[in-house]
Every structure is written in structure tokens, then in C-alpha cells.
């Protein structure tokens, strides 16, 4: 057999090899990260109550307690505005009342320091903190 019989196969093999190599050298696409915060009853608290996360991370609050809970940074909804805070440029968020067994999530897109509270348990000191880094 002469070499000319193998040329088309050689070219196809070369194209496939180059294509496969090109796929392998591309950087992987980062998956969005989700962090879980659990809400408890005794004492009413967020677990963990302090997080440091990069921009783009989603926090999911899971009410696995037996009472209503809430997640809010809205100063107009709380008894003491000092129980919540937002970095410049961030808009307030509020989960609304969460019945036992429900979840609510929020994706942090503005870096800075967030302080949030649970409206039904604000008087009990149920607050959480999220530091969002660039």
C-alpha cells in the first residue's frame, strides 16, 4: 500500500487530536457556589452566623426549625435599624416569613459588609453577618 491511501485518515486523526487538545487547554468554567445557613430555635440563631464569601456566591437559608424565621437587611422592617446594614450600592433584601421546612436564597453581587436579622427573633439577638470579597 502506498502512503496516499493513508492521507485522509491521517488528516482526520490530526484534526481530532487538535480539537481534543484545544478542549483540554481551555480554563474550566467555575460553577456558582452556594453556602447553606441553617436557622435554629433554641436559641434562635443562624448557623453559621458569620460568613466570608466571594462576590457571586449564593447563600441559602434553610429553616429547619419549628417556628417562623426571616432574613432581612431592610432597615424599614426592623425594630432597631442598627440590627441591619448594607455596603454602599447594595439594595436591601427580605425573605419574608419562612415557615418550617422552607428555604430562601440570595446571590451577593456587591462586595462589602452585610448585617441581617430575623424579624420574629430580632429581640432575641438573631443576627448574621456576611462579608463579601471581590
N, C-alpha and C. Protein backbone atom coordinates (compact mmCIF):
# COMPACT_ATOMS: atom_id res chain seq x y z
N UNK A 1 0.84 -1.19 0.00
CA UNK A 1 0.00 0.00 0.00
C UNK A 1 0.87 1.24 0.00
N UNK A 2 0.43 2.20 -0.72
CA UNK A 2 1.20 3.44 -0.77
C UNK A 2 0.70 4.40 0.31
N UNK A 3 1.49 5.44 0.57
CA UNK A 3 1.19 6.44 1.58
C UNK A 3 -0.05 7.24 1.25
N UNK A 4 -0.36 7.41 -0.02
CA UNK A 4 -1.52 8.21 -0.40
C UNK A 4 -2.82 7.60 0.10
N UNK A 5 -2.83 6.28 0.37
CA UNK A 5 -4.04 5.64 0.89
C UNK A 5 -4.32 6.04 2.34
N UNK A 6 -3.31 6.49 3.04
CA UNK A 6 -3.47 6.81 4.47
C UNK A 6 -3.66 8.30 4.72
N UNK A 7 -3.46 9.12 3.73
CA UNK A 7 -3.55 10.56 3.93
C UNK A 7 -4.88 11.03 4.50
N UNK A 8 -6.01 10.68 3.95
CA UNK A 8 -7.27 11.19 4.52
C UNK A 8 -7.44 10.78 5.99
N UNK A 9 -7.04 9.57 6.30
CA UNK A 9 -7.18 9.13 7.69
C UNK A 9 -6.23 9.88 8.62
N UNK A 10 -5.05 10.15 8.11
CA UNK A 10 -4.07 10.90 8.90
C UNK A 10 -4.55 12.32 9.18
N UNK A 11 -5.13 12.96 8.20
CA UNK A 11 -5.65 14.31 8.37
C UNK A 11 -6.81 14.31 9.37
N UNK A 12 -7.71 13.36 9.25
CA UNK A 12 -8.85 13.28 10.17
C UNK A 12 -8.34 13.05 11.59
N UNK A 13 -7.37 12.18 11.75
CA UNK A 13 -6.80 11.91 13.08
C UNK A 13 -6.16 13.17 13.64
N UNK A 14 -5.44 13.90 12.80
CA UNK A 14 -4.80 15.13 13.22
C UNK A 14 -5.84 16.17 13.65
N UNK A 15 -6.90 16.32 12.89
CA UNK A 15 -7.97 17.28 13.22
C UNK A 15 -8.61 16.90 14.55
N UNK A 16 -8.88 15.63 14.74
CA UNK A 16 -9.49 15.18 16.01
C UNK A 16 -8.54 15.44 17.17
N UNK A 17 -7.27 15.17 17.01
CA UNK A 17 -6.29 15.38 18.07
C UNK A 17 -6.17 16.85 18.43
N UNK A 18 -6.13 17.72 17.43
CA UNK A 18 -6.04 19.16 17.68
C UNK A 18 -7.30 19.66 18.39
N UNK A 19 -8.46 19.18 17.95
CA UNK A 19 -9.71 19.59 18.58
C UNK A 19 -9.75 19.16 20.04
N UNK A 20 -9.36 17.94 20.32
CA UNK A 20 -9.36 17.43 21.69
C UNK A 20 -8.38 18.22 22.55
N UNK A 21 -7.21 18.52 22.01
CA UNK A 21 -6.22 19.28 22.77
C UNK A 21 -6.73 20.68 23.06
N UNK A 22 -7.42 21.28 22.12
CA UNK A 22 -7.99 22.61 22.32
C UNK A 22 -9.01 22.63 23.45
N UNK A 23 -9.78 21.57 23.55
CA UNK A 23 -10.76 21.48 24.63
C UNK A 23 -10.09 21.34 25.98
N UNK A 24 -8.96 20.68 26.03
CA UNK A 24 -8.29 20.43 27.29
C UNK A 24 -7.54 21.65 27.79
N UNK A 25 -7.12 22.56 26.93
CA UNK A 25 -6.35 23.70 27.40
C UNK A 25 -7.22 24.90 27.75
N UNK A 26 -8.50 24.82 27.52
CA UNK A 26 -9.37 25.91 27.92
C UNK A 26 -9.58 25.86 29.42
N UNK A 27 -9.62 27.02 30.09
CA UNK A 27 -9.82 27.01 31.54
C UNK A 27 -11.22 26.49 31.88
N UNK A 28 -11.34 25.78 32.98
CA UNK A 28 -12.66 25.28 33.36
C UNK A 28 -13.58 26.43 33.75
N UNK A 29 -14.85 26.27 33.48
CA UNK A 29 -15.83 27.28 33.88
C UNK A 29 -16.18 27.03 35.33
N UNK A 30 -16.02 28.05 36.16
CA UNK A 30 -16.29 27.90 37.59
C UNK A 30 -17.79 27.81 37.83
N UNK A 31 -18.16 26.84 38.61
CA UNK A 31 -19.57 26.69 38.98
C UNK A 31 -19.90 27.69 40.08
N UNK A 32 -21.10 28.22 40.05
CA UNK A 32 -21.53 29.13 41.09
C UNK A 32 -21.57 28.37 42.41
N UNK A 33 -21.11 29.01 43.46
CA UNK A 33 -21.03 28.38 44.75
C UNK A 33 -22.26 28.74 45.59
N UNK A 34 -22.75 27.78 46.34
CA UNK A 34 -23.86 28.01 47.27
C UNK A 34 -23.41 27.62 48.67
N UNK A 35 -23.68 28.50 49.62
CA UNK A 35 -23.37 28.25 51.02
C UNK A 35 -24.70 28.15 51.76
N UNK A 36 -24.82 27.16 52.65
CA UNK A 36 -26.05 26.94 53.40
C UNK A 36 -25.92 27.52 54.80
N UNK A 37 -26.96 28.27 55.21
CA UNK A 37 -27.08 28.76 56.58
C UNK A 37 -28.36 28.15 57.14
N UNK A 38 -28.24 27.49 58.28
CA UNK A 38 -29.38 26.85 58.92
C UNK A 38 -29.96 27.77 59.99
N UNK A 39 -31.28 27.77 60.12
CA UNK A 39 -31.95 28.57 61.14
C UNK A 39 -32.44 27.63 62.24
N UNK A 40 -32.11 27.96 63.48
CA UNK A 40 -32.47 27.10 64.60
C UNK A 40 -33.37 27.83 65.60
N UNK A 41 -33.92 27.06 66.55
CA UNK A 41 -34.85 27.63 67.54
C UNK A 41 -34.25 27.88 68.91
N UNK A 42 -33.46 26.96 69.42
CA UNK A 42 -33.03 27.05 70.83
C UNK A 42 -31.53 27.09 70.93
N UNK A 43 -30.95 28.27 70.99
CA UNK A 43 -31.57 29.58 70.86
C UNK A 43 -31.82 29.91 69.38
N UNK A 44 -32.69 30.89 69.13
CA UNK A 44 -32.90 31.28 67.72
C UNK A 44 -31.61 31.88 67.17
N UNK A 45 -31.07 31.23 66.15
CA UNK A 45 -29.79 31.68 65.59
C UNK A 45 -29.63 31.20 64.16
N UNK A 46 -28.69 31.85 63.47
CA UNK A 46 -28.25 31.41 62.15
C UNK A 46 -26.97 30.61 62.34
N UNK A 47 -26.85 29.47 61.68
CA UNK A 47 -25.65 28.65 61.81
C UNK A 47 -25.09 28.37 60.41
N UNK A 48 -23.90 28.89 60.07
CA UNK A 48 -23.09 29.78 60.87
C UNK A 48 -23.66 31.20 60.85
N UNK A 49 -23.28 31.98 61.84
CA UNK A 49 -23.80 33.35 61.89
C UNK A 49 -22.85 34.35 61.23
N UNK A 50 -21.65 33.90 60.86
CA UNK A 50 -20.68 34.77 60.17
C UNK A 50 -20.10 34.03 58.98
N UNK A 51 -20.13 34.70 57.83
CA UNK A 51 -19.59 34.13 56.59
C UNK A 51 -18.67 35.13 55.92
N UNK A 52 -17.66 34.63 55.24
CA UNK A 52 -16.85 35.43 54.32
C UNK A 52 -16.90 34.68 53.00
N UNK A 53 -17.43 35.35 51.96
CA UNK A 53 -17.65 34.70 50.67
C UNK A 53 -17.21 35.63 49.54
N UNK A 54 -16.86 35.08 48.38
CA UNK A 54 -16.55 35.93 47.22
C UNK A 54 -17.83 36.41 46.54
N UNK A 55 -17.72 37.52 45.83
CA UNK A 55 -18.82 38.04 45.02
C UNK A 55 -19.32 36.92 44.10
N UNK A 56 -20.63 36.86 43.95
CA UNK A 56 -21.24 35.86 43.08
C UNK A 56 -21.70 34.61 43.80
N UNK A 57 -21.39 34.52 45.09
CA UNK A 57 -21.81 33.36 45.87
C UNK A 57 -23.27 33.51 46.28
N UNK A 58 -23.99 32.41 46.25
CA UNK A 58 -25.37 32.38 46.71
C UNK A 58 -25.39 31.81 48.12
N UNK A 59 -26.14 32.47 49.00
CA UNK A 59 -26.36 31.94 50.33
C UNK A 59 -27.80 31.46 50.37
N UNK A 60 -27.98 30.23 50.86
CA UNK A 60 -29.30 29.65 51.00
C UNK A 60 -29.59 29.46 52.48
N UNK A 61 -30.66 30.11 52.95
CA UNK A 61 -31.08 29.96 54.33
C UNK A 61 -32.12 28.86 54.39
N UNK A 62 -31.91 27.93 55.32
CA UNK A 62 -32.76 26.75 55.45
C UNK A 62 -33.42 26.78 56.84
N UNK A 63 -34.74 26.98 56.86
CA UNK A 63 -35.45 26.99 58.13
C UNK A 63 -35.81 25.55 58.50
N UNK A 64 -34.92 24.92 59.25
CA UNK A 64 -35.21 23.57 59.71
C UNK A 64 -35.69 23.57 61.16
N UNK A 65 -36.12 24.76 61.61
CA UNK A 65 -36.64 24.93 62.97
C UNK A 65 -38.15 24.62 63.00
N UNK A 66 -38.75 24.85 64.14
CA UNK A 66 -40.18 24.59 64.29
C UNK A 66 -41.01 25.87 64.35
N UNK A 67 -40.35 27.01 64.12
CA UNK A 67 -41.03 28.31 64.16
C UNK A 67 -40.75 29.10 62.88
N UNK A 68 -41.46 30.20 62.72
CA UNK A 68 -41.21 31.12 61.61
C UNK A 68 -39.85 31.78 61.78
N UNK A 69 -39.17 31.99 60.68
CA UNK A 69 -37.93 32.77 60.67
C UNK A 69 -37.97 33.69 59.46
N UNK A 70 -36.95 34.56 59.37
CA UNK A 70 -36.88 35.57 58.33
C UNK A 70 -35.42 35.94 58.14
N UNK A 71 -35.11 36.49 56.98
CA UNK A 71 -33.79 37.03 56.68
C UNK A 71 -34.03 38.39 56.06
N UNK A 72 -33.57 39.45 56.74
CA UNK A 72 -33.79 40.78 56.18
C UNK A 72 -32.61 41.71 56.45
N UNK A 73 -32.37 42.60 55.49
CA UNK A 73 -31.43 43.71 55.65
C UNK A 73 -32.18 45.03 55.50
N UNK A 74 -33.50 44.96 55.49
CA UNK A 74 -34.34 46.14 55.26
C UNK A 74 -34.57 46.89 56.57
N UNK A 75 -33.90 48.04 56.73
CA UNK A 75 -33.99 48.83 57.96
C UNK A 75 -35.41 49.32 58.24
N UNK A 76 -36.25 49.44 57.21
CA UNK A 76 -37.62 49.91 57.44
C UNK A 76 -38.52 48.81 58.01
N UNK A 77 -38.04 47.57 58.05
CA UNK A 77 -38.83 46.44 58.54
C UNK A 77 -38.48 46.00 59.96
N UNK A 78 -37.37 46.49 60.50
CA UNK A 78 -36.88 46.02 61.80
C UNK A 78 -37.16 47.02 62.91
N UNK A 79 -37.08 46.54 64.17
CA UNK A 79 -37.30 47.41 65.32
C UNK A 79 -36.14 48.37 65.53
N UNK A 80 -34.91 47.84 65.36
CA UNK A 80 -33.71 48.66 65.54
C UNK A 80 -32.92 48.67 64.23
N UNK A 81 -32.90 49.81 63.54
CA UNK A 81 -32.15 49.87 62.27
C UNK A 81 -30.68 49.46 62.40
N UNK A 82 -30.10 49.56 63.60
CA UNK A 82 -28.70 49.16 63.78
C UNK A 82 -28.53 47.63 63.72
N UNK A 83 -29.63 46.88 63.70
CA UNK A 83 -29.56 45.43 63.59
C UNK A 83 -29.32 44.95 62.15
N UNK A 84 -29.33 45.89 61.20
CA UNK A 84 -29.07 45.56 59.80
C UNK A 84 -28.13 46.59 59.20
N UNK A 85 -27.36 46.17 58.19
CA UNK A 85 -26.52 47.13 57.47
C UNK A 85 -26.18 46.55 56.11
N UNK A 86 -25.88 47.45 55.19
CA UNK A 86 -25.54 47.09 53.80
C UNK A 86 -24.32 47.90 53.36
N UNK A 87 -23.52 47.36 52.45
CA UNK A 87 -22.45 48.17 51.88
C UNK A 87 -23.03 49.17 50.89
N UNK A 88 -22.30 50.23 50.58
CA UNK A 88 -22.77 51.18 49.58
C UNK A 88 -23.07 50.49 48.25
N UNK A 89 -24.21 50.83 47.66
CA UNK A 89 -24.59 50.28 46.36
C UNK A 89 -25.43 49.01 46.43
N UNK A 90 -25.55 48.41 47.61
CA UNK A 90 -26.35 47.19 47.75
C UNK A 90 -27.79 47.57 48.11
N UNK A 91 -28.73 46.80 47.58
CA UNK A 91 -30.14 47.02 47.87
C UNK A 91 -30.59 46.05 48.96
N UNK A 92 -31.51 46.50 49.82
CA UNK A 92 -31.99 45.61 50.88
C UNK A 92 -32.67 44.37 50.31
N UNK A 93 -32.58 43.28 51.05
CA UNK A 93 -33.30 42.06 50.69
C UNK A 93 -34.09 41.57 51.89
N UNK A 94 -35.15 40.84 51.61
CA UNK A 94 -36.01 40.30 52.66
C UNK A 94 -36.65 39.02 52.15
N UNK A 95 -36.51 37.97 52.92
CA UNK A 95 -37.06 36.67 52.53
C UNK A 95 -38.56 36.56 52.75
N UNK A 96 -39.12 37.45 53.57
CA UNK A 96 -40.49 37.25 54.03
C UNK A 96 -40.47 36.15 55.08
N UNK A 97 -41.58 35.94 55.74
CA UNK A 97 -41.63 34.92 56.78
C UNK A 97 -41.50 33.53 56.15
N UNK A 98 -40.61 32.76 56.71
CA UNK A 98 -40.32 31.41 56.22
C UNK A 98 -40.88 30.39 57.20
N UNK A 99 -41.81 29.58 56.73
CA UNK A 99 -42.36 28.53 57.57
C UNK A 99 -41.33 27.41 57.74
N UNK A 100 -41.50 26.59 58.76
CA UNK A 100 -40.56 25.47 58.94
C UNK A 100 -40.47 24.62 57.67
N UNK A 101 -39.24 24.25 57.34
CA UNK A 101 -39.00 23.41 56.17
C UNK A 101 -38.79 24.17 54.88
N UNK A 102 -38.86 25.50 54.90
CA UNK A 102 -38.67 26.26 53.66
C UNK A 102 -37.24 26.80 53.56
N UNK A 103 -36.87 27.14 52.33
CA UNK A 103 -35.55 27.68 52.04
C UNK A 103 -35.71 28.97 51.24
N UNK A 104 -34.73 29.83 51.36
CA UNK A 104 -34.71 31.07 50.58
C UNK A 104 -33.24 31.38 50.28
N UNK A 105 -32.98 31.89 49.08
CA UNK A 105 -31.60 32.18 48.73
C UNK A 105 -31.44 33.57 48.14
N UNK A 106 -30.20 34.06 48.23
CA UNK A 106 -29.83 35.37 47.72
C UNK A 106 -28.40 35.28 47.21
N UNK A 107 -28.16 35.85 46.02
CA UNK A 107 -26.82 35.88 45.44
C UNK A 107 -26.21 37.25 45.69
N UNK A 108 -25.06 37.27 46.32
CA UNK A 108 -24.38 38.52 46.68
C UNK A 108 -23.53 39.01 45.52
N UNK A 109 -23.87 40.19 45.01
CA UNK A 109 -23.17 40.75 43.85
C UNK A 109 -22.40 42.03 44.18
N UNK A 110 -22.62 42.59 45.36
CA UNK A 110 -21.93 43.82 45.76
C UNK A 110 -21.00 43.48 46.93
N UNK A 111 -19.70 43.75 46.79
CA UNK A 111 -18.79 43.45 47.89
C UNK A 111 -19.03 44.37 49.08
N UNK A 112 -18.68 43.89 50.26
CA UNK A 112 -18.81 44.69 51.47
C UNK A 112 -19.37 43.89 52.63
N UNK A 113 -19.75 44.61 53.68
CA UNK A 113 -20.22 44.00 54.93
C UNK A 113 -21.74 44.09 55.03
N UNK A 114 -22.38 42.95 55.25
CA UNK A 114 -23.83 42.86 55.41
C UNK A 114 -24.15 42.38 56.82
N UNK A 115 -25.12 42.99 57.44
CA UNK A 115 -25.64 42.52 58.73
C UNK A 115 -27.13 42.32 58.53
N UNK A 116 -27.63 41.14 58.87
CA UNK A 116 -29.04 40.84 58.66
C UNK A 116 -29.64 40.30 59.95
N UNK A 117 -30.96 40.30 60.03
CA UNK A 117 -31.64 39.82 61.23
C UNK A 117 -32.89 39.04 60.86
N UNK A 118 -33.43 38.37 61.86
CA UNK A 118 -34.69 37.65 61.76
C UNK A 118 -35.74 38.50 62.47
N UNK A 119 -36.71 39.00 61.75
CA UNK A 119 -37.71 39.90 62.34
C UNK A 119 -38.40 39.28 63.56
N UNK A 120 -38.92 38.03 63.49
CA UNK A 120 -39.58 37.48 64.66
C UNK A 120 -38.65 37.26 65.87
N UNK A 121 -37.34 37.18 65.64
CA UNK A 121 -36.39 36.91 66.73
C UNK A 121 -35.34 38.01 66.88
N UNK A 122 -35.65 39.17 66.37
CA UNK A 122 -34.71 40.30 66.48
C UNK A 122 -34.45 40.62 67.95
N UNK A 123 -35.51 40.62 68.75
CA UNK A 123 -35.36 40.93 70.18
C UNK A 123 -34.50 39.90 70.91
N UNK A 124 -34.39 38.70 70.34
CA UNK A 124 -33.56 37.65 70.91
C UNK A 124 -32.11 37.71 70.41
N UNK A 125 -31.81 38.68 69.56
CA UNK A 125 -30.45 38.86 69.05
C UNK A 125 -30.09 37.95 67.89
N UNK A 126 -31.10 37.51 67.14
CA UNK A 126 -30.81 36.63 65.99
C UNK A 126 -30.34 37.50 64.83
N UNK A 127 -29.02 37.61 64.69
CA UNK A 127 -28.40 38.37 63.61
C UNK A 127 -27.33 37.52 62.93
N UNK A 128 -27.05 37.87 61.69
CA UNK A 128 -26.00 37.20 60.94
C UNK A 128 -25.18 38.22 60.18
N UNK A 129 -23.99 37.81 59.78
CA UNK A 129 -23.07 38.70 59.08
C UNK A 129 -22.51 38.00 57.85
N UNK A 130 -22.40 38.75 56.78
CA UNK A 130 -21.77 38.25 55.57
C UNK A 130 -20.79 39.30 55.08
N UNK A 131 -19.53 38.90 54.95
CA UNK A 131 -18.52 39.75 54.35
C UNK A 131 -18.29 39.21 52.94
N UNK A 132 -18.53 40.07 51.95
CA UNK A 132 -18.41 39.68 50.55
C UNK A 132 -17.14 40.32 49.99
N UNK A 133 -16.24 39.47 49.49
CA UNK A 133 -14.96 39.95 48.96
C UNK A 133 -14.99 39.95 47.44
N UNK A 134 -14.10 40.76 46.84
CA UNK A 134 -14.02 40.85 45.38
C UNK A 134 -13.36 39.63 44.81
